[in-house]
Amino acid sequence: MSQKIIETIDNELKMLVERFMENTNLEVATLIEASKKSDFLTINRIGHNMKGSALNYGFKHLADLGRSIEKAGANEDVENIKQLLISLKDYVARVEIKFERN
């Protein structure tokens, strides 16, 4: 079994995190489709939005992935995008959310 990726999120956001993760799963699917079509604009946009949203919620690892996806989309870096999507799917499968008061 793979090791979990722990994200520590403010307890006040607990009610919003489930929907955020649902949206993240939708973004993964959209990114996969965009990569199949070499739609770099969509990849760049979703990466940018993912980075910002993840930072707002406190998902540091996800924000880093979003930043990298945004950059790879801007550079039209097909091979890097493929690797980042593998990493993103792995992240979603392994992330464990811990809620704490800040």
Protein backbone atom coordinates (compact mmCIF):
# COMPACT_ATOMS: atom_id res chain seq x y z
CA MET A 1 0.00 0.00 0.00
CA SER A 2 1.33 3.44 -0.92
CA GLN A 3 2.09 5.96 1.76
CA LYS A 4 -0.56 8.64 2.28
CA ILE A 5 0.09 12.26 1.39
CA ILE A 6 -0.98 14.30 4.40
CA GLU A 7 -2.49 17.74 3.90
CA THR A 8 -3.30 19.73 7.05
CA ILE A 9 -6.31 21.99 6.50
CA ASP A 10 -7.95 24.54 8.78
CA ASN A 11 -10.90 23.01 10.60
CA GLU A 12 -13.10 25.95 9.56
CA LEU A 13 -12.93 24.73 5.95
CA LYS A 14 -14.10 21.21 6.73
CA MET A 15 -17.57 21.71 5.25
CA LEU A 16 -16.09 22.96 1.96
CA VAL A 17 -13.32 20.42 1.42
CA GLU A 18 -15.51 17.58 0.17
CA ARG A 19 -16.83 19.73 -2.67
CA PHE A 20 -13.31 21.02 -3.37
CA MET A 21 -12.04 17.46 -3.77
CA GLU A 22 -14.98 16.58 -6.04
CA ASN A 23 -14.05 19.57 -8.21
CA THR A 24 -10.41 18.45 -8.19
CA ASN A 25 -11.46 15.04 -9.53
CA LEU A 26 -13.42 16.77 -12.31
CA GLU A 27 -10.38 18.88 -13.13
CA VAL A 28 -8.24 15.72 -13.38
CA ALA A 29 -10.68 14.30 -15.95
CA THR A 30 -10.71 17.58 -17.87
CA LEU A 31 -6.90 17.73 -17.85
CA ILE A 32 -6.69 14.20 -19.23
CA GLU A 33 -9.04 15.10 -22.08
CA ALA A 34 -7.20 18.36 -22.74
CA SER A 35 -3.87 16.52 -22.90
CA LYS A 36 -5.29 14.08 -25.45
CA LYS A 37 -6.25 17.06 -27.63
CA SER A 38 -3.03 19.01 -26.97
CA ASP A 39 -5.24 21.78 -25.58
CA PHE A 40 -2.43 23.62 -23.81
CA LEU A 41 -4.54 26.70 -23.07
CA THR A 42 -6.98 24.59 -21.02
CA ILE A 43 -4.11 22.79 -19.30
CA ASN A 44 -2.49 26.10 -18.40
CA ARG A 45 -5.78 27.58 -17.15
CA ILE A 46 -6.72 24.59 -15.01
CA GLY A 47 -3.21 24.41 -13.57
CA HIS A 48 -3.40 28.09 -12.68
CA ASN A 49 -6.85 27.75 -11.08
CA MET A 50 -5.82 24.58 -9.24
CA LYS A 51 -2.75 26.32 -7.83
CA GLY A 52 -4.78 29.27 -6.55
CA SER A 53 -7.66 27.26 -5.14
CA ALA A 54 -5.36 24.78 -3.47
CA LEU A 55 -3.40 27.57 -1.80
CA ASN A 56 -6.63 29.17 -0.56
CA TYR A 57 -7.64 25.90 1.10
CA GLY A 58 -4.15 25.03 2.34
CA PHE A 59 -3.40 22.07 0.02
CA LYS A 60 0.33 22.75 -0.40
CA HIS A 61 1.20 19.63 -2.41
CA LEU A 62 -1.72 20.15 -4.77
CA ALA A 63 -0.74 23.81 -5.24
CA ASP A 64 2.75 22.71 -6.26
CA LEU A 65 1.28 20.30 -8.81
CA GLY A 66 -1.03 23.01 -10.13
CA ARG A 67 1.92 25.40 -10.51
CA SER A 68 3.87 22.78 -12.45
CA ILE A 69 0.88 21.93 -14.66
CA GLU A 70 0.33 25.62 -15.37
CA LYS A 71 3.97 26.04 -16.43
CA ALA A 72 4.00 22.85 -18.52
CA GLY A 73 0.83 23.98 -20.31
CA ALA A 74 2.34 27.39 -21.04
CA ASN A 75 5.48 25.70 -22.40
CA GLU A 76 3.47 23.10 -24.35
CA ASP A 77 5.65 20.47 -22.70
CA VAL A 78 3.81 17.27 -23.65
CA GLU A 79 6.10 14.82 -21.83
CA ASN A 80 6.09 16.83 -18.62
CA ILE A 81 2.30 17.16 -18.77
CA LYS A 82 1.99 13.37 -19.04
CA GLN A 83 4.21 12.87 -15.97
CA LEU A 84 2.40 15.58 -14.02
CA LEU A 85 -0.98 13.99 -14.73
CA ILE A 86 0.34 10.69 -13.39
CA SER A 87 1.52 12.53 -10.28
CA LEU A 88 -1.82 14.32 -9.95
CA LYS A 89 -3.81 11.08 -10.19
CA ASP A 90 -1.47 9.53 -7.62
CA TYR A 91 -1.93 12.54 -5.34
CA VAL A 92 -5.74 12.30 -5.48
CA ALA A 93 -5.60 8.57 -4.72
CA ARG A 94 -3.26 8.97 -1.75
CA VAL A 95 -4.16 12.29 -0.16
CA GLU A 96 -5.33 12.19 3.44
CA ILE A 97 -6.78 15.34 4.93
CA LYS A 98 -6.15 16.23 8.56
CA PHE A 99 -8.19 19.05 10.03
CA GLU A 100 -6.69 21.32 12.69
CA ARG A 101 -7.48 24.66 14.21
CA ASN A 102 -5.12 27.38 13.07
